Amino acid sequence: MNENLESEESTILKFVQEFFDSYDKNRHIFHTLFPEDGTFIVLGNRMSGHSTIQQAMLTMATTTHQLLSIDINSLDIQLLEKGSMYQVLCAGEVEFGNDAQIHGFTATLLVYFMRPNVLNVVSFNERCQWPKLS
């Protein structure tokens, strides 16, 4: 494996863990992980831009994520102003608010390096499995 790719993947792995930690514990600054035109989709609700993401994060139920799997895929996309791009697929468990039920989730992030060791999130999409309704 090329050294640069290995270093970028290591940076992405650390970033994703910090991203979910911020999602769960530092919602007041979560929007800063996105560019102004970034997209955040959770449970089918799409939000774009800092103010919309920040407002949504401050009104959503609290969450506690546990990551069980992270898969990093390099994308062969040449964008003039952006560096290397990656699709990150995550899976794990999440608990919402005080419902005391654990739900399975999958999430997809599209990230790029603005400069070495500095990532930006283009989009985030999370889907959850809900318990069967009786």
N, C-alpha and C. Protein backbone atom coordinates (compact mmCIF):
# COMPACT_ATOMS: atom_id res chain seq x y z
N MET A 1 0.86 -1.17 0.00
CA MET A 1 0.00 0.00 0.00
C MET A 1 0.90 1.23 0.00
N ASN A 2 0.54 2.22 -0.78
CA ASN A 2 1.36 3.42 -0.83
C ASN A 2 1.26 4.17 0.49
N GLU A 3 2.40 4.74 0.91
CA GLU A 3 2.51 5.38 2.22
C GLU A 3 1.52 6.53 2.40
N ASN A 4 1.32 7.34 1.35
CA ASN A 4 0.41 8.47 1.43
C ASN A 4 -1.03 7.99 1.65
N LEU A 5 -1.45 6.95 0.90
CA LEU A 5 -2.79 6.41 1.05
C LEU A 5 -2.99 5.85 2.46
N GLU A 6 -1.99 5.15 2.97
CA GLU A 6 -2.07 4.58 4.31
C GLU A 6 -2.19 5.70 5.35
N SER A 7 -1.45 6.76 5.19
CA SER A 7 -1.51 7.90 6.10
C SER A 7 -2.88 8.58 6.03
N GLU A 8 -3.40 8.77 4.81
CA GLU A 8 -4.72 9.39 4.66
C GLU A 8 -5.80 8.53 5.29
N GLU A 9 -5.74 7.21 5.10
CA GLU A 9 -6.74 6.32 5.69
C GLU A 9 -6.67 6.35 7.21
N SER A 10 -5.48 6.43 7.76
CA SER A 10 -5.32 6.53 9.21
C SER A 10 -5.94 7.83 9.72
N THR A 11 -5.73 8.93 8.99
CA THR A 11 -6.31 10.23 9.35
C THR A 11 -7.84 10.16 9.28
N ILE A 12 -8.36 9.51 8.23
CA ILE A 12 -9.81 9.38 8.07
C ILE A 12 -10.41 8.56 9.21
N LEU A 13 -9.78 7.47 9.56
CA LEU A 13 -10.27 6.62 10.65
C LEU A 13 -10.38 7.42 11.94
N LYS A 14 -9.36 8.17 12.28
CA LYS A 14 -9.37 9.00 13.48
C LYS A 14 -10.46 10.08 13.37
N PHE A 15 -10.58 10.70 12.19
CA PHE A 15 -11.57 11.74 11.97
C PHE A 15 -12.99 11.19 12.16
N VAL A 16 -13.28 10.02 11.61
CA VAL A 16 -14.63 9.44 11.71
C VAL A 16 -14.98 9.17 13.17
N GLN A 17 -14.04 8.67 13.94
CA GLN A 17 -14.30 8.43 15.35
C GLN A 17 -14.58 9.75 16.07
N GLU A 18 -13.82 10.80 15.75
CA GLU A 18 -14.05 12.12 16.35
C GLU A 18 -15.36 12.74 15.85
N PHE A 19 -15.72 12.47 14.58
CA PHE A 19 -16.96 12.97 14.00
C PHE A 19 -18.17 12.45 14.80
N PHE A 20 -18.20 11.15 15.05
CA PHE A 20 -19.32 10.57 15.80
C PHE A 20 -19.29 11.00 17.27
N ASP A 21 -18.11 11.19 17.82
CA ASP A 21 -18.01 11.70 19.19
C ASP A 21 -18.60 13.11 19.26
N SER A 22 -18.30 13.93 18.26
CA SER A 22 -18.85 15.29 18.19
C SER A 22 -20.37 15.24 17.98
N TYR A 23 -20.82 14.33 17.13
CA TYR A 23 -22.25 14.14 16.87
C TYR A 23 -22.98 13.87 18.18
N ASP A 24 -22.39 13.04 19.03
CA ASP A 24 -23.03 12.65 20.28
C ASP A 24 -22.84 13.66 21.41
N LYS A 25 -21.68 14.32 21.46
CA LYS A 25 -21.34 15.10 22.66
C LYS A 25 -21.09 16.59 22.43
N ASN A 26 -20.82 17.01 21.21
CA ASN A 26 -20.47 18.42 20.96
C ASN A 26 -21.30 19.00 19.83
N ARG A 27 -22.59 18.86 19.94
CA ARG A 27 -23.48 19.28 18.85
C ARG A 27 -23.42 20.77 18.55
N HIS A 28 -23.05 21.57 19.51
CA HIS A 28 -23.00 23.02 19.29
C HIS A 28 -21.91 23.42 18.29
N ILE A 29 -20.92 22.54 18.04
CA ILE A 29 -19.88 22.84 17.05
C ILE A 29 -19.88 21.86 15.87
N PHE A 30 -20.82 20.94 15.87
CA PHE A 30 -20.86 19.89 14.84
C PHE A 30 -20.90 20.45 13.43
N HIS A 31 -21.65 21.53 13.21
CA HIS A 31 -21.80 22.11 11.87
C HIS A 31 -20.48 22.59 11.28
N THR A 32 -19.48 22.85 12.12
CA THR A 32 -18.20 23.34 11.62
C THR A 32 -17.42 22.27 10.87
N LEU A 33 -17.85 21.01 10.97
CA LEU A 33 -17.19 19.93 10.24
C LEU A 33 -17.59 19.90 8.77
N PHE A 34 -18.58 20.71 8.39
CA PHE A 34 -19.11 20.74 7.03
C PHE A 34 -18.74 22.06 6.37
N PRO A 35 -18.56 22.05 5.03
CA PRO A 35 -18.45 23.34 4.34
C PRO A 35 -19.82 24.01 4.35
N GLU A 36 -19.89 25.28 4.01
CA GLU A 36 -21.16 26.01 4.04
C GLU A 36 -22.23 25.32 3.21
N ASP A 37 -21.84 24.68 2.11
CA ASP A 37 -22.81 24.01 1.25
C ASP A 37 -22.88 22.50 1.53
N GLY A 38 -22.35 22.04 2.67
CA GLY A 38 -22.37 20.63 3.01
C GLY A 38 -23.78 20.12 3.27
N THR A 39 -23.95 18.80 3.16
CA THR A 39 -25.26 18.18 3.33
C THR A 39 -25.22 17.18 4.48
N PHE A 40 -26.25 17.23 5.31
CA PHE A 40 -26.40 16.33 6.45
C PHE A 40 -27.79 15.71 6.33
N ILE A 41 -27.84 14.39 6.21
CA ILE A 41 -29.12 13.68 6.09
C ILE A 41 -29.20 12.67 7.23
N VAL A 42 -30.23 12.79 8.04
CA VAL A 42 -30.41 11.83 9.12
C VAL A 42 -31.89 11.45 9.16
N LEU A 43 -32.14 10.16 9.20
CA LEU A 43 -33.49 9.61 9.23
C LEU A 43 -34.37 10.20 8.12
N GLY A 44 -33.77 10.40 6.94
CA GLY A 44 -34.50 10.89 5.79
C GLY A 44 -34.67 12.39 5.72
N ASN A 45 -34.22 13.11 6.74
CA ASN A 45 -34.33 14.56 6.75
C ASN A 45 -33.04 15.19 6.23
N ARG A 46 -33.15 15.95 5.15
CA ARG A 46 -31.98 16.56 4.51
C ARG A 46 -31.82 18.00 4.97
N MET A 47 -30.58 18.33 5.36
CA MET A 47 -30.25 19.69 5.78
C MET A 47 -28.98 20.12 5.05
N SER A 48 -28.94 21.37 4.61
CA SER A 48 -27.75 21.90 3.94
C SER A 48 -27.36 23.23 4.56
N GLY A 49 -26.07 23.43 4.71
CA GLY A 49 -25.56 24.70 5.23
C GLY A 49 -25.39 24.72 6.74
N HIS A 50 -24.45 25.51 7.18
CA HIS A 50 -24.11 25.59 8.61
C HIS A 50 -25.30 25.87 9.51
N SER A 51 -26.05 26.93 9.24
CA SER A 51 -27.11 27.32 10.16
C SER A 51 -28.21 26.27 10.24
N THR A 52 -28.56 25.66 9.12
CA THR A 52 -29.60 24.62 9.12
C THR A 52 -29.14 23.39 9.88
N ILE A 53 -27.88 22.97 9.65
CA ILE A 53 -27.34 21.80 10.35
C ILE A 53 -27.25 22.09 11.85
N GLN A 54 -26.75 23.26 12.21
CA GLN A 54 -26.63 23.60 13.62
C GLN A 54 -27.99 23.61 14.32
N GLN A 55 -28.98 24.23 13.69
CA GLN A 55 -30.32 24.29 14.28
C GLN A 55 -30.88 22.89 14.47
N ALA A 56 -30.73 22.03 13.47
CA ALA A 56 -31.24 20.66 13.57
C ALA A 56 -30.54 19.89 14.68
N MET A 57 -29.23 20.03 14.78
CA MET A 57 -28.47 19.28 15.78
C MET A 57 -28.87 19.69 17.20
N LEU A 58 -29.21 20.94 17.38
CA LEU A 58 -29.56 21.42 18.72
C LEU A 58 -30.98 21.05 19.12
N THR A 59 -31.82 20.62 18.16
CA THR A 59 -33.20 20.26 18.47
C THR A 59 -33.46 18.75 18.40
N MET A 60 -32.53 17.99 17.83
CA MET A 60 -32.71 16.53 17.72
C MET A 60 -32.54 15.85 19.08
N ALA A 61 -33.11 14.66 19.19
CA ALA A 61 -32.89 13.85 20.39
C ALA A 61 -31.40 13.55 20.52
N THR A 62 -30.95 13.42 21.74
CA THR A 62 -29.54 13.07 21.95
C THR A 62 -29.28 11.67 21.38
N THR A 63 -28.02 11.42 21.07
CA THR A 63 -27.65 10.12 20.51
C THR A 63 -26.39 9.60 21.19
N THR A 64 -26.27 8.29 21.18
CA THR A 64 -25.04 7.63 21.61
C THR A 64 -24.73 6.57 20.56
N HIS A 65 -23.68 6.81 19.77
CA HIS A 65 -23.29 5.90 18.70
C HIS A 65 -22.17 4.98 19.17
N GLN A 66 -22.22 3.75 18.71
CA GLN A 66 -21.11 2.81 18.88
C GLN A 66 -20.76 2.30 17.50
N LEU A 67 -19.56 2.66 17.02
CA LEU A 67 -19.12 2.21 15.70
C LEU A 67 -18.62 0.77 15.78
N LEU A 68 -19.12 -0.07 14.88
CA LEU A 68 -18.70 -1.46 14.83
C LEU A 68 -17.88 -1.76 13.58
N SER A 69 -18.06 -0.93 12.54
CA SER A 69 -17.37 -1.16 11.28
C SER A 69 -17.16 0.17 10.55
N ILE A 70 -15.96 0.35 10.00
CA ILE A 70 -15.65 1.52 9.18
C ILE A 70 -14.92 1.02 7.94
N ASP A 71 -15.46 1.33 6.78
CA ASP A 71 -14.87 0.93 5.50
C ASP A 71 -14.54 2.19 4.71
N ILE A 72 -13.27 2.36 4.33
CA ILE A 72 -12.80 3.56 3.64
C ILE A 72 -12.49 3.21 2.20
N ASN A 73 -13.12 3.93 1.26
CA ASN A 73 -12.92 3.69 -0.16
C ASN A 73 -12.41 4.96 -0.84
N SER A 74 -11.26 4.85 -1.47
CA SER A 74 -10.72 5.99 -2.22
C SER A 74 -11.53 6.17 -3.49
N LEU A 75 -11.88 7.41 -3.81
CA LEU A 75 -12.64 7.71 -5.03
C LEU A 75 -11.72 8.33 -6.06
N ASP A 76 -11.80 7.87 -7.26
CA ASP A 76 -10.97 8.39 -8.33
C ASP A 76 -11.69 9.56 -9.00
N ILE A 77 -11.79 10.66 -8.24
CA ILE A 77 -12.48 11.85 -8.73
C ILE A 77 -11.47 12.99 -8.74
N GLN A 78 -11.32 13.63 -9.85
CA GLN A 78 -10.40 14.76 -9.95
C GLN A 78 -11.19 16.06 -9.89
N LEU A 79 -11.09 16.74 -8.78
CA LEU A 79 -11.74 18.03 -8.60
C LEU A 79 -10.63 19.07 -8.44
N LEU A 80 -10.71 20.13 -9.18
CA LEU A 80 -9.64 21.12 -9.19
C LEU A 80 -9.31 21.66 -7.81
N GLU A 81 -10.30 22.09 -7.07
CA GLU A 81 -10.04 22.73 -5.78
C GLU A 81 -9.95 21.75 -4.62
N LYS A 82 -10.28 20.49 -4.83
CA LYS A 82 -10.28 19.52 -3.75
C LYS A 82 -9.18 18.48 -3.97
N GLY A 83 -8.66 17.98 -2.88
CA GLY A 83 -7.65 16.94 -2.95
C GLY A 83 -8.30 15.58 -3.03
N SER A 84 -7.67 14.60 -2.41
CA SER A 84 -8.16 13.22 -2.42
C SER A 84 -9.55 13.14 -1.81
N MET A 85 -10.44 12.35 -2.45
CA MET A 85 -11.80 12.16 -1.92
C MET A 85 -12.00 10.71 -1.52
N TYR A 86 -12.81 10.51 -0.49
CA TYR A 86 -13.09 9.18 0.02
C TYR A 86 -14.56 9.04 0.37
N GLN A 87 -15.05 7.82 0.19
CA GLN A 87 -16.38 7.45 0.67
C GLN A 87 -16.14 6.58 1.90
N VAL A 88 -16.76 6.92 3.01
CA VAL A 88 -16.58 6.18 4.25
C VAL A 88 -17.92 5.57 4.63
N LEU A 89 -17.95 4.26 4.74
CA LEU A 89 -19.17 3.53 5.11
C LEU A 89 -19.01 3.05 6.55
N CYS A 90 -19.98 3.40 7.38
CA CYS A 90 -19.93 3.03 8.79
C CYS A 90 -21.16 2.21 9.16
N ALA A 91 -20.99 1.36 10.14
CA ALA A 91 -22.13 0.60 10.67
C ALA A 91 -21.93 0.48 12.17
N GLY A 92 -23.04 0.41 12.87
CA GLY A 92 -22.94 0.28 14.31
C GLY A 92 -24.29 0.29 14.98
N GLU A 93 -24.29 0.74 16.22
CA GLU A 93 -25.51 0.80 17.01
C GLU A 93 -25.66 2.22 17.53
N VAL A 94 -26.93 2.65 17.66
CA VAL A 94 -27.21 3.99 18.17
C VAL A 94 -28.40 3.94 19.11
N GLU A 95 -28.33 4.77 20.12
CA GLU A 95 -29.43 4.91 21.07
C GLU A 95 -29.89 6.37 20.98
N PHE A 96 -31.20 6.58 20.87
CA PHE A 96 -31.78 7.92 20.75
C PHE A 96 -32.42 8.33 22.06
N GLY A 97 -32.02 9.51 22.56
CA GLY A 97 -32.64 10.05 23.75
C GLY A 97 -32.65 9.05 24.89
N ASN A 98 -33.79 8.95 25.53
CA ASN A 98 -33.95 8.04 26.67
C ASN A 98 -34.80 6.83 26.33
N ASP A 99 -34.87 6.46 25.04
CA ASP A 99 -35.77 5.35 24.68
C ASP A 99 -35.23 3.99 25.10
N ALA A 100 -33.96 3.93 25.52
CA ALA A 100 -33.35 2.70 26.04
C ALA A 100 -33.36 1.54 25.05
N GLN A 101 -33.60 1.83 23.78
CA GLN A 101 -33.53 0.78 22.75
C GLN A 101 -32.33 1.05 21.86
N ILE A 102 -31.64 -0.01 21.51
CA ILE A 102 -30.49 0.11 20.64
C ILE A 102 -30.94 -0.21 19.22
N HIS A 103 -30.59 0.68 18.30
CA HIS A 103 -30.96 0.53 16.90
C HIS A 103 -29.69 0.34 16.07
N GLY A 104 -29.78 -0.51 15.05
CA GLY A 104 -28.68 -0.63 14.11
C GLY A 104 -28.67 0.60 13.22
N PHE A 105 -27.49 1.03 12.77
CA PHE A 105 -27.43 2.14 11.84
C PHE A 105 -26.33 1.92 10.81
N THR A 106 -26.50 2.54 9.67
CA THR A 106 -25.45 2.65 8.67
C THR A 106 -25.32 4.13 8.34
N ALA A 107 -24.13 4.53 8.01
CA ALA A 107 -23.88 5.92 7.65
C ALA A 107 -22.85 5.98 6.53
N THR A 108 -23.03 6.94 5.65
CA THR A 108 -22.09 7.17 4.56
C THR A 108 -21.61 8.61 4.63
N LEU A 109 -20.31 8.78 4.63
CA LEU A 109 -19.71 10.11 4.58
C LEU A 109 -18.92 10.24 3.29
N LEU A 110 -18.98 11.39 2.68
CA LEU A 110 -18.13 11.73 1.55
C LEU A 110 -17.20 12.82 2.07
N VAL A 111 -15.90 12.53 2.11
CA VAL A 111 -14.93 13.46 2.68
C VAL A 111 -13.80 13.74 1.69
N TYR A 112 -13.15 14.87 1.87
CA TYR A 112 -11.98 15.18 1.06
C TYR A 112 -10.95 15.91 1.92
N PHE A 113 -9.70 15.82 1.49
CA PHE A 113 -8.62 16.51 2.17
C PHE A 113 -8.49 17.91 1.61
N MET A 114 -8.65 18.92 2.48
CA MET A 114 -8.44 20.30 2.08
C MET A 114 -6.94 20.57 1.94
N ARG A 115 -6.18 20.00 2.86
CA ARG A 115 -4.72 20.02 2.85
C ARG A 115 -4.30 18.82 3.70
N PRO A 116 -3.04 18.47 3.75
CA PRO A 116 -2.65 17.28 4.52
C PRO A 116 -3.20 17.31 5.94
N ASN A 117 -3.80 16.21 6.34
CA ASN A 117 -4.36 16.00 7.68
C ASN A 117 -5.54 16.90 8.03
N VAL A 118 -6.15 17.58 7.05
CA VAL A 118 -7.32 18.41 7.30
C VAL A 118 -8.45 17.94 6.39
N LEU A 119 -9.48 17.35 6.99
CA LEU A 119 -10.61 16.80 6.24
C LEU A 119 -11.82 17.72 6.29
N ASN A 120 -12.64 17.62 5.25
CA ASN A 120 -13.90 18.33 5.20
C ASN A 120 -14.97 17.33 4.77
N VAL A 121 -16.15 17.42 5.36
CA VAL A 121 -17.25 16.52 5.03
C VAL A 121 -18.10 17.18 3.96
N VAL A 122 -18.27 16.51 2.82
CA VAL A 122 -19.15 17.01 1.77
C VAL A 122 -20.59 16.62 2.09
N SER A 123 -20.77 15.36 2.50
CA SER A 123 -22.12 14.91 2.85
C SER A 123 -22.06 13.79 3.88
N PHE A 124 -23.16 13.68 4.62
CA PHE A 124 -23.33 12.63 5.63
C PHE A 124 -24.76 12.14 5.52
N ASN A 125 -24.94 10.83 5.48
CA ASN A 125 -26.27 10.24 5.36
C ASN A 125 -26.34 9.07 6.35
N GLU A 126 -27.26 9.16 7.31
CA GLU A 126 -27.41 8.09 8.30
C GLU A 126 -28.80 7.47 8.19
N ARG A 127 -28.82 6.14 8.24
CA ARG A 127 -30.09 5.40 8.23
C ARG A 127 -30.11 4.49 9.45
N CYS A 128 -31.26 4.35 10.05
CA CYS A 128 -31.40 3.53 11.26
C CYS A 128 -32.44 2.45 11.08
N GLN A 129 -32.22 1.36 11.79
CA GLN A 129 -33.18 0.25 11.82
C GLN A 129 -34.04 0.45 13.06
N TRP A 130 -35.33 0.45 12.86
CA TRP A 130 -36.24 0.63 13.98
C TRP A 130 -36.83 -0.70 14.38
N PRO A 131 -37.13 -0.85 15.67
CA PRO A 131 -37.74 -2.11 16.11
C PRO A 131 -39.07 -2.34 15.39
N LYS A 132 -39.39 -3.59 15.23
CA LYS A 132 -40.65 -3.94 14.57
C LYS A 132 -41.83 -3.43 15.39
N LEU A 133 -42.74 -2.77 14.71
CA LEU A 133 -43.93 -2.26 15.40
C LEU A 133 -44.97 -3.37 15.50
N SER A 134 -45.65 -3.46 16.64
CA SER A 134 -46.65 -4.52 16.79
C SER A 134 -48.03 -3.97 16.53
